[in-house]
PDB file of N, CA and C in Angstrom:
ATOM      1  N   MET A   1     -19.882 -29.608 -12.310  1.00  0.00           N
ATOM      2  CA  MET A   1     -19.994 -28.777 -11.585  1.00  0.00           C
ATOM      3  C   MET A   1     -18.631 -27.942 -11.126  1.00  0.00           C
ATOM      4  N   TYR A   2     -18.285 -26.554 -11.303  1.00  0.00           N
ATOM      5  CA  TYR A   2     -17.091 -26.237 -11.152  1.00  0.00           C
ATOM      6  C   TYR A   2     -17.258 -25.129 -10.093  1.00  0.00           C
ATOM      7  N   ARG A   3     -16.236 -24.630  -9.571  1.00  0.00           N
ATOM      8  CA  ARG A   3     -16.137 -23.905  -8.605  1.00  0.00           C
ATOM      9  C   ARG A   3     -15.174 -22.620  -9.476  1.00  0.00           C
ATOM     10  N   ALA A   4     -15.635 -21.365  -9.156  1.00  0.00           N
ATOM     11  CA  ALA A   4     -15.072 -20.113  -9.772  1.00  0.00           C
ATOM     12  C   ALA A   4     -14.330 -19.403  -8.756  1.00  0.00           C
ATOM     13  N   THR A   5     -13.229 -18.970  -8.549  1.00  0.00           N
ATOM     14  CA  THR A   5     -13.036 -17.624  -7.245  1.00  0.00           C
ATOM     15  C   THR A   5     -12.640 -16.594  -8.198  1.00  0.00           C
ATOM     16  N   VAL A   6     -13.395 -15.347  -7.993  1.00  0.00           N
ATOM     17  CA  VAL A   6     -13.214 -14.272  -8.533  1.00  0.00           C
ATOM     18  C   VAL A   6     -12.858 -12.970  -7.931  1.00  0.00           C
ATOM     19  N   HIS A   7     -12.240 -12.392  -7.983  1.00  0.00           N
ATOM     20  CA  HIS A   7     -11.471 -10.712  -7.353  1.00  0.00           C
ATOM     21  C   HIS A   7     -11.981 -10.025  -8.007  1.00  0.00           C
ATOM     22  N   VAL A   8     -12.550  -8.953  -7.023  1.00  0.00           N
ATOM     23  CA  VAL A   8     -13.010  -7.745  -7.890  1.00  0.00           C
ATOM     24  C   VAL A   8     -12.089  -6.470  -6.917  1.00  0.00           C
ATOM     25  N   THR A   9     -11.705  -5.595  -8.007  1.00  0.00           N
ATOM     26  CA  THR A   9     -10.824  -4.446  -7.291  1.00  0.00           C
ATOM     27  C   THR A   9     -11.129  -3.318  -7.905  1.00  0.00           C
ATOM     28  N   LEU A  10     -10.702  -2.328  -7.147  1.00  0.00           N
ATOM     29  CA  LEU A  10     -10.895  -0.960  -7.872  1.00  0.00           C
ATOM     30  C   LEU A  10      -9.955  -0.599  -8.790  1.00  0.00           C
ATOM     31  N   ARG A  11     -10.136  -0.024  -9.739  1.00  0.00           N
ATOM     32  CA  ARG A  11      -8.913   0.408 -10.526  1.00  0.00           C
ATOM     33  C   ARG A  11      -8.260   1.223  -9.938  1.00  0.00           C
ATOM     34  N   PRO A  12      -6.790   0.951 -10.770  1.00  0.00           N
ATOM     35  CA  PRO A  12      -5.612   1.967  -9.875  1.00  0.00           C
ATOM     36  C   PRO A  12      -5.819   3.598  -9.936  1.00  0.00           C
ATOM     37  N   SER A  13      -6.643   3.794 -10.749  1.00  0.00           N
ATOM     38  CA  SER A  13      -6.608   5.381 -10.786  1.00  0.00           C
ATOM     39  C   SER A  13      -7.896   5.942  -9.992  1.00  0.00           C
ATOM     40  N   ILE A  14      -8.722   4.824  -9.557  1.00  0.00           N
ATOM     41  CA  ILE A  14      -9.651   4.997  -8.334  1.00  0.00           C
ATOM     42  C   ILE A  14      -9.390   5.046  -6.773  1.00  0.00           C
ATOM     43  N   LEU A  15      -9.692   6.198  -6.087  1.00  0.00           N
ATOM     44  CA  LEU A  15      -9.202   6.373  -4.688  1.00  0.00           C
ATOM     45  C   LEU A  15     -10.002   5.426  -4.062  1.00  0.00           C
ATOM     46  N   ASP A  16      -9.306   4.623  -3.008  1.00  0.00           N
ATOM     47  CA  ASP A  16      -9.767   3.553  -1.870  1.00  0.00           C
ATOM     48  C   ASP A  16      -9.738   4.156  -0.612  1.00  0.00           C
ATOM     49  N   PRO A  17     -10.645   5.071  -0.240  1.00  0.00           N
ATOM     50  CA  PRO A  17     -10.693   5.192   1.077  1.00  0.00           C
ATOM     51  C   PRO A  17     -10.520   4.451   2.264  1.00  0.00           C
ATOM     52  N   GLN A  18     -11.415   3.217   1.861  1.00  0.00           N
ATOM     53  CA  GLN A  18     -11.195   2.273   2.790  1.00  0.00           C
ATOM     54  C   GLN A  18      -9.975   1.650   2.742  1.00  0.00           C
ATOM     55  N   GLY A  19      -9.300   1.401   2.109  1.00  0.00           N
ATOM     56  CA  GLY A  19      -7.797   0.873   2.062  1.00  0.00           C
ATOM     57  C   GLY A  19      -6.775   2.060   2.419  1.00  0.00           C
ATOM     58  N   LYS A  20      -6.830   3.228   2.555  1.00  0.00           N
ATOM     59  CA  LYS A  20      -6.324   4.302   2.790  1.00  0.00           C
ATOM     60  C   LYS A  20      -6.656   3.993   4.532  1.00  0.00           C
ATOM     61  N   ALA A  21      -7.545   3.870   5.061  1.00  0.00           N
ATOM     62  CA  ALA A  21      -8.211   3.869   6.454  1.00  0.00           C
ATOM     63  C   ALA A  21      -7.472   2.831   7.099  1.00  0.00           C
ATOM     64  N   ILE A  22      -7.332   1.650   6.313  1.00  0.00           N
ATOM     65  CA  ILE A  22      -7.075   0.534   6.821  1.00  0.00           C
ATOM     66  C   ILE A  22      -5.114   0.444   6.906  1.00  0.00           C
ATOM     67  N   GLN A  23      -4.620   1.269   5.774  1.00  0.00           N
ATOM     68  CA  GLN A  23      -3.139   1.266   6.017  1.00  0.00           C
ATOM     69  C   GLN A  23      -3.037   2.427   6.901  1.00  0.00           C
ATOM     70  N   SER A  24      -3.926   3.326   7.465  1.00  0.00           N
ATOM     71  CA  SER A  24      -3.348   4.245   8.560  1.00  0.00           C
ATOM     72  C   SER A  24      -3.452   3.211   9.453  1.00  0.00           C
ATOM     73  N   ALA A  25      -4.500   2.873  10.011  1.00  0.00           N
ATOM     74  CA  ALA A  25      -4.601   1.927  10.934  1.00  0.00           C
ATOM     75  C   ALA A  25      -3.570   0.825  11.386  1.00  0.00           C
ATOM     76  N   LEU A  26      -3.115   0.144  10.135  1.00  0.00           N
ATOM     77  CA  LEU A  26      -2.117  -0.571  10.471  1.00  0.00           C
ATOM     78  C   LEU A  26      -0.892   0.216  10.775  1.00  0.00           C
ATOM     79  N   ASP A  27      -0.440   1.423  10.420  1.00  0.00           N
ATOM     80  CA  ASP A  27       0.401   2.074  10.616  1.00  0.00           C
ATOM     81  C   ASP A  27       0.743   2.362  12.096  1.00  0.00           C
ATOM     82  N   SER A  28      -0.647   2.902  12.807  1.00  0.00           N
ATOM     83  CA  SER A  28      -0.745   3.314  13.846  1.00  0.00           C
ATOM     84  C   SER A  28      -0.548   1.786  14.787  1.00  0.00           C
ATOM     85  N   LEU A  29      -0.521   0.914  14.225  1.00  0.00           N
ATOM     86  CA  LEU A  29      -0.449  -0.337  15.455  1.00  0.00           C
ATOM     87  C   LEU A  29       0.817  -0.759  14.855  1.00  0.00           C
ATOM     88  N   GLY A  30       1.923  -0.072  14.521  1.00  0.00           N
ATOM     89  CA  GLY A  30       3.213  -0.314  14.249  1.00  0.00           C
ATOM     90  C   GLY A  30       3.385  -1.510  13.196  1.00  0.00           C
ATOM     91  N   GLN A  31       2.695  -1.221  12.076  1.00  0.00           N
ATOM     92  CA  GLN A  31       2.773  -2.073  10.620  1.00  0.00           C
ATOM     93  C   GLN A  31       3.398  -1.374   9.500  1.00  0.00           C
ATOM     94  N   THR A  32       4.329  -0.618  10.302  1.00  0.00           N
ATOM     95  CA  THR A  32       4.890   0.357   9.335  1.00  0.00           C
ATOM     96  C   THR A  32       5.652  -0.163   7.706  1.00  0.00           C
ATOM     97  N   ALA A  33       5.752  -1.546   7.733  1.00  0.00           N
ATOM     98  CA  ALA A  33       6.436  -1.819   6.545  1.00  0.00           C
ATOM     99  C   ALA A  33       5.462  -2.079   5.112  1.00  0.00           C
ATOM    100  N   ILE A  34       3.975  -2.217   5.850  1.00  0.00           N
ATOM    101  CA  ILE A  34       3.176  -2.086   4.636  1.00  0.00           C
ATOM    102  C   ILE A  34       2.569  -0.511   4.337  1.00  0.00           C
ATOM    103  N   GLU A  35       3.043  -0.551   3.001  1.00  0.00           N
ATOM    104  CA  GLU A  35       2.896   1.144   2.330  1.00  0.00           C
ATOM    105  C   GLU A  35       1.581   1.559   2.025  1.00  0.00           C
ATOM    106  N   SER A  36       0.757   0.295   1.406  1.00  0.00           N
ATOM    107  CA  SER A  36      -0.534   0.785   0.821  1.00  0.00           C
ATOM    108  C   SER A  36      -1.832  -0.303   0.906  1.00  0.00           C
ATOM    109  N   VAL A  37      -2.601  -0.233   0.866  1.00  0.00           N
ATOM    110  CA  VAL A  37      -3.858  -1.081   0.940  1.00  0.00           C
ATOM    111  C   VAL A  37      -4.743  -0.667  -0.183  1.00  0.00           C
ATOM    112  N   ARG A  38      -5.135  -2.053  -0.832  1.00  0.00           N
ATOM    113  CA  ARG A  38      -6.011  -1.904  -1.908  1.00  0.00           C
ATOM    114  C   ARG A  38      -7.292  -2.442  -1.227  1.00  0.00           C
ATOM    115  N   THR A  39      -8.390  -2.417  -1.104  1.00  0.00           N
ATOM    116  CA  THR A  39      -9.549  -3.220  -0.896  1.00  0.00           C
ATOM    117  C   THR A  39     -10.420  -3.872  -1.997  1.00  0.00           C
ATOM    118  N   GLY A  40     -11.047  -4.963  -2.060  1.00  0.00           N
ATOM    119  CA  GLY A  40     -11.779  -5.668  -2.901  1.00  0.00           C
ATOM    120  C   GLY A  40     -12.810  -6.317  -2.469  1.00  0.00           C
ATOM    121  N   LYS A  41     -13.433  -7.437  -3.358  1.00  0.00           N
ATOM    122  CA  LYS A  41     -14.536  -8.294  -2.905  1.00  0.00           C
ATOM    123  C   LYS A  41     -13.657  -9.330  -3.565  1.00  0.00           C
ATOM    124  N   ARG A  42     -14.239 -10.796  -3.004  1.00  0.00           N
ATOM    125  CA  ARG A  42     -14.013 -12.110  -3.415  1.00  0.00           C
ATOM    126  C   ARG A  42     -15.448 -12.548  -3.646  1.00  0.00           C
ATOM    127  N   PHE A  43     -15.493 -13.259  -4.669  1.00  0.00           N
ATOM    128  CA  PHE A  43     -16.579 -14.245  -5.102  1.00  0.00           C
ATOM    129  C   PHE A  43     -16.311 -15.295  -5.098  1.00  0.00           C
ATOM    130  N   VAL A  44     -17.144 -16.527  -4.344  1.00  0.00           N
ATOM    131  CA  VAL A  44     -16.921 -18.129  -5.083  1.00  0.00           C
ATOM    132  C   VAL A  44     -18.381 -18.378  -5.553  1.00  0.00           C
ATOM    133  N   LEU A  45     -18.304 -18.856  -7.184  1.00  0.00           N
ATOM    134  CA  LEU A  45     -19.058 -19.214  -7.515  1.00  0.00           C
ATOM    135  C   LEU A  45     -19.181 -20.804  -8.069  1.00  0.00           C
ATOM    136  N   THR A  46     -20.230 -21.443  -7.792  1.00  0.00           N
ATOM    137  CA  THR A  46     -20.854 -22.772  -8.223  1.00  0.00           C
ATOM    138  C   THR A  46     -21.316 -22.774  -9.147  1.00  0.00           C
ATOM    139  N   ILE A  47     -20.734 -23.605 -10.301  1.00  0.00           N
ATOM    140  CA  ILE A  47     -21.283 -22.802 -11.821  1.00  0.00           C
ATOM    141  C   ILE A  47     -21.507 -24.580 -12.498  1.00  0.00           C
ATOM    142  N   ASN A  48     -22.814 -24.747 -12.959  1.00  0.00           N
ATOM    143  CA  ASN A  48     -23.037 -25.716 -13.543  1.00  0.00           C
ATOM    144  C   ASN A  48     -22.680 -25.526 -15.108  1.00  0.00           C
ATOM    145  N   ALA A  49     -21.785 -26.503 -15.053  1.00  0.00           N
ATOM    146  CA  ALA A  49     -21.295 -25.986 -16.832  1.00  0.00           C
ATOM    147  C   ALA A  49     -20.518 -27.712 -17.306  1.00  0.00           C
ATOM    148  N   ASP A  50     -20.411 -28.085 -18.534  1.00  0.00           N
ATOM    149  CA  ASP A  50     -20.089 -29.259 -18.852  1.00  0.00           C
ATOM    150  C   ASP A  50     -18.492 -29.033 -19.185  1.00  0.00           C
ATOM    151  N   SER A  51     -17.904 -28.032 -19.013  1.00  0.00           N
ATOM    152  CA  SER A  51     -16.273 -27.897 -19.167  1.00  0.00           C
ATOM    153  C   SER A  51     -15.834 -26.865 -18.386  1.00  0.00           C
ATOM    154  N   GLU A  52     -14.528 -26.754 -18.350  1.00  0.00           N
ATOM    155  CA  GLU A  52     -13.812 -25.570 -17.468  1.00  0.00           C
ATOM    156  C   GLU A  52     -13.934 -24.237 -18.253  1.00  0.00           C
ATOM    157  N   GLN A  53     -13.887 -24.356 -19.657  1.00  0.00           N
ATOM    158  CA  GLN A  53     -13.961 -23.251 -20.387  1.00  0.00           C
ATOM    159  C   GLN A  53     -15.277 -22.794 -20.188  1.00  0.00           C
ATOM    160  N   GLU A  54     -16.021 -23.354 -20.440  1.00  0.00           N
ATOM    161  CA  GLU A  54     -17.606 -22.994 -20.096  1.00  0.00           C
ATOM    162  C   GLU A  54     -18.151 -22.335 -19.043  1.00  0.00           C
ATOM    163  N   ALA A  55     -17.273 -22.783 -17.559  1.00  0.00           N
ATOM    164  CA  ALA A  55     -17.471 -22.229 -16.210  1.00  0.00           C
ATOM    165  C   ALA A  55     -16.904 -21.090 -16.054  1.00  0.00           C
ATOM    166  N   ARG A  56     -15.470 -20.893 -16.764  1.00  0.00           N
ATOM    167  CA  ARG A  56     -15.162 -19.554 -16.891  1.00  0.00           C
ATOM    168  C   ARG A  56     -15.469 -18.392 -17.642  1.00  0.00           C
ATOM    169  N   GLU A  57     -16.231 -18.738 -18.634  1.00  0.00           N
ATOM    170  CA  GLU A  57     -16.880 -17.968 -19.612  1.00  0.00           C
ATOM    171  C   GLU A  57     -18.212 -17.416 -18.577  1.00  0.00           C
ATOM    172  N   ALA A  58     -18.773 -18.481 -17.899  1.00  0.00           N
ATOM    173  CA  ALA A  58     -19.995 -18.108 -17.250  1.00  0.00           C
ATOM    174  C   ALA A  58     -19.701 -17.115 -16.072  1.00  0.00           C
ATOM    175  N   ALA A  59     -18.220 -17.306 -15.274  1.00  0.00           N
ATOM    176  CA  ALA A  59     -18.056 -16.472 -14.246  1.00  0.00           C
ATOM    177  C   ALA A  59     -17.615 -14.972 -14.900  1.00  0.00           C
ATOM    178  N   THR A  60     -16.950 -15.112 -15.883  1.00  0.00           N
ATOM    179  CA  THR A  60     -16.586 -13.557 -16.737  1.00  0.00           C
ATOM    180  C   THR A  60     -18.077 -13.087 -16.960  1.00  0.00           C
ATOM    181  N   LYS A  61     -18.682 -13.604 -17.408  1.00  0.00           N
ATOM    182  CA  LYS A  61     -19.732 -13.144 -17.787  1.00  0.00           C
ATOM    183  C   LYS A  61     -20.699 -12.426 -16.546  1.00  0.00           C
ATOM    184  N   ALA A  62     -20.878 -13.043 -15.762  1.00  0.00           N
ATOM    185  CA  ALA A  62     -21.345 -12.536 -14.354  1.00  0.00           C
ATOM    186  C   ALA A  62     -20.626 -11.439 -13.656  1.00  0.00           C
ATOM    187  N   CYS A  63     -19.273 -10.906 -13.645  1.00  0.00           N
ATOM    188  CA  CYS A  63     -18.646  -9.858 -13.644  1.00  0.00           C
ATOM    189  C   CYS A  63     -18.982  -8.732 -14.721  1.00  0.00           C
ATOM    190  N   GLU A  64     -18.965  -9.068 -15.717  1.00  0.00           N
ATOM    191  CA  GLU A  64     -19.254  -8.025 -16.826  1.00  0.00           C
ATOM    192  C   GLU A  64     -20.762  -7.437 -16.547  1.00  0.00           C
ATOM    193  N   THR A  65     -21.575  -8.441 -16.000  1.00  0.00           N
ATOM    194  CA  THR A  65     -22.982  -8.074 -16.128  1.00  0.00           C
ATOM    195  C   THR A  65     -23.382  -7.393 -14.853  1.00  0.00           C
ATOM    196  N   LEU A  66     -22.599  -8.297 -13.945  1.00  0.00           N
ATOM    197  CA  LEU A  66     -23.312  -7.480 -12.484  1.00  0.00           C
ATOM    198  C   LEU A  66     -22.146  -7.464 -10.989  1.00  0.00           C
ATOM    199  N   LEU A  67     -21.511  -8.583 -11.527  1.00  0.00           N
ATOM    200  CA  LEU A  67     -20.576  -8.608  -9.999  1.00  0.00           C
ATOM    201  C   LEU A  67     -19.137  -7.195  -9.965  1.00  0.00           C
ATOM    202  N   ALA A  68     -18.923  -6.897 -11.173  1.00  0.00           N
ATOM    203  CA  ALA A  68     -17.796  -5.712 -11.155  1.00  0.00           C
ATOM    204  C   ALA A  68     -18.700  -4.567 -11.921  1.00  0.00           C
ATOM    205  N   ASN A  69     -18.139  -3.583 -11.627  1.00  0.00           N
ATOM    206  CA  ASN A  69     -18.763  -1.825 -11.966  1.00  0.00           C
ATOM    207  C   ASN A  69     -17.693  -1.657 -13.235  1.00  0.00           C
ATOM    208  N   ALA A  70     -17.962  -2.110 -14.487  1.00  0.00           N
ATOM    209  CA  ALA A  70     -16.770  -1.843 -15.431  1.00  0.00           C
ATOM    210  C   ALA A  70     -16.085  -0.252 -15.579  1.00  0.00           C
ATOM    211  N   VAL A  71     -16.897   0.675 -14.875  1.00  0.00           N
ATOM    212  CA  VAL A  71     -16.189   1.847 -14.758  1.00  0.00           C
ATOM    213  C   VAL A  71     -15.256   2.227 -13.971  1.00  0.00           C
ATOM    214  N   MET A  72     -15.531   1.582 -12.751  1.00  0.00           N
ATOM    215  CA  MET A  72     -14.743   1.560 -11.602  1.00  0.00           C
ATOM    216  C   MET A  72     -13.998   0.421 -11.371  1.00  0.00           C
ATOM    217  N   GLU A  73     -14.428  -0.602 -11.733  1.00  0.00           N
ATOM    218  CA  GLU A  73     -13.298  -2.146 -10.886  1.00  0.00           C
ATOM    219  C   GLU A  73     -12.794  -2.785 -12.060  1.00  0.00           C
ATOM    220  N   ASP A  74     -11.805  -3.408 -12.206  1.00  0.00           N
ATOM    221  CA  ASP A  74     -11.332  -4.460 -12.509  1.00  0.00           C
ATOM    222  C   ASP A  74     -11.844  -6.072 -11.740  1.00  0.00           C
ATOM    223  N   PHE A  75     -11.580  -6.828 -12.769  1.00  0.00           N
ATOM    224  CA  PHE A  75     -11.921  -8.324 -11.913  1.00  0.00           C
ATOM    225  C   PHE A  75     -11.066  -9.383 -12.333  1.00  0.00           C
ATOM    226  N   GLU A  76     -10.669 -10.333 -11.916  1.00  0.00           N
ATOM    227  CA  GLU A  76      -9.706 -11.722 -12.347  1.00  0.00           C
ATOM    228  C   GLU A  76     -10.577 -12.961 -11.932  1.00  0.00           C
ATOM    229  N   VAL A  77     -10.951 -13.612 -12.931  1.00  0.00           N
ATOM    230  CA  VAL A  77     -11.249 -15.251 -12.799  1.00  0.00           C
ATOM    231  C   VAL A  77      -9.986 -15.698 -12.185  1.00  0.00           C
ATOM    232  N   GLU A  78     -10.065 -16.075 -11.057  1.00  0.00           N
ATOM    233  CA  GLU A  78      -8.486 -16.499 -10.322  1.00  0.00           C
ATOM    234  C   GLU A  78      -8.820 -17.716 -10.670  1.00  0.00           C
ATOM    235  N   SER A  79      -9.003 -18.748 -10.307  1.00  0.00           N
ATOM    236  CA  SER A  79      -9.363 -19.806 -10.733  1.00  0.00           C
ATOM    237  C   SER A  79     -10.499 -20.635 -10.731  1.00  0.00           C
ATOM    238  N   VAL A  80     -10.783 -21.641 -11.656  1.00  0.00           N
ATOM    239  CA  VAL A  80     -11.911 -22.347 -11.945  1.00  0.00           C
ATOM    240  C   VAL A  80     -11.590 -23.921 -11.910  1.00  0.00           C
ATOM    241  N   HIS A  81     -12.125 -24.509 -10.755  1.00  0.00           N
ATOM    242  CA  HIS A  81     -11.816 -26.235 -10.882  1.00  0.00           C
ATOM    243  C   HIS A  81     -13.116 -27.213 -10.645  1.00  0.00           C
ATOM    244  N   ALA A  82     -12.980 -28.123 -11.074  1.00  0.00           N
ATOM    245  CA  ALA A  82     -14.242 -28.991 -10.837  1.00  0.00           C
ATOM    246  C   ALA A  82     -14.478 -29.874  -9.802  1.00  0.00           C
ATOM    247  N   LEU A  83     -15.459 -29.773  -9.162  1.00  0.00           N
ATOM    248  CA  LEU A  83     -15.939 -29.950  -7.788  1.00  0.00           C
ATOM    249  C   LEU A  83     -16.148 -31.470  -8.103  1.00  0.00           C
ATOM    250  N   GLU A  84     -15.617 -32.423  -6.922  1.00  0.00           N
ATOM    251  CA  GLU A  84     -15.616 -33.574  -6.562  1.00  0.00           C
ATOM    252  C   GLU A  84     -17.148 -33.906  -5.986  1.00  0.00           C
ATOM    253  N   LEU A  85     -18.095 -34.568  -6.782  1.00  0.00           N
ATOM    254  CA  LEU A  85     -19.566 -34.544  -6.153  1.00  0.00           C
ATOM    255  C   LEU A  85     -19.371 -36.030  -5.218  1.00  0.00           C
ATOM    256  N   VAL A  86     -19.954 -36.021  -4.154  1.00  0.00           N
ATOM    257  CA  VAL A  86     -19.805 -36.975  -3.246  1.00  0.00           C
ATOM    258  C   VAL A  86     -21.431 -37.805  -3.226  1.00  0.00           C
ATOM    259  N   ALA A  87     -21.241 -38.948  -3.690  1.00  0.00           N
ATOM    260  CA  ALA A  87     -22.674 -39.623  -3.947  1.00  0.00           C
ATOM    261  C   ALA A  87     -23.186 -39.900  -2.447  1.00  0.00           C
TER     262      ALA A  87
END
């Protein structure tokens, strides 16, 4: 068993109104050092696979087919690691 962490974000060319609203709120709270905010989604997948490579491929396929909108979003399979199973 493996655990994969995936991040899905809007492409840089796509407007992010939620990120803009968050940045504006931070600015009004005095957090003026933060110049921009981009929002996204984080998925943690538990994958039944025989190898790390197979788990990474399964996570990538999940992103390509469902988790990320290929027209508007980019994704990154950030990490894949084996789970220690407790007996």
